[in-house]
């Protein structure tokens, strides 16, 4: 029997096996094939189906460069503590932190 004929025959057998609701051993005994043959063809068709799946496609991703802060931070020393201040800081928070640090020193 030619290879394509064998594949066609096993495709039909596997379809019948799945529709039967029988265990592999029971179905194989009724159809005069070994369970080893059944598992081989089940795996072969599963693997060929997976290999026929469309290959992955690449998707273009544009990544914006982060804005570089060219301004140097301002360092404030209160006792042993050093506070780094950058543009956009919260002045009220800074004032509260400095007062707290001064009270501890």
Foldseek 3Di string as FASTA:
>chain_A
DDPVVVLVVLVVLLVCVVVVPDDLCVSCVVVVHDSVVNVVSVVVVVVVVVVPPDDDDDDDDDDDDDDDDPDAWDWDDQPPDIDTHDPPDDVVVVVVVNVVSNVVD
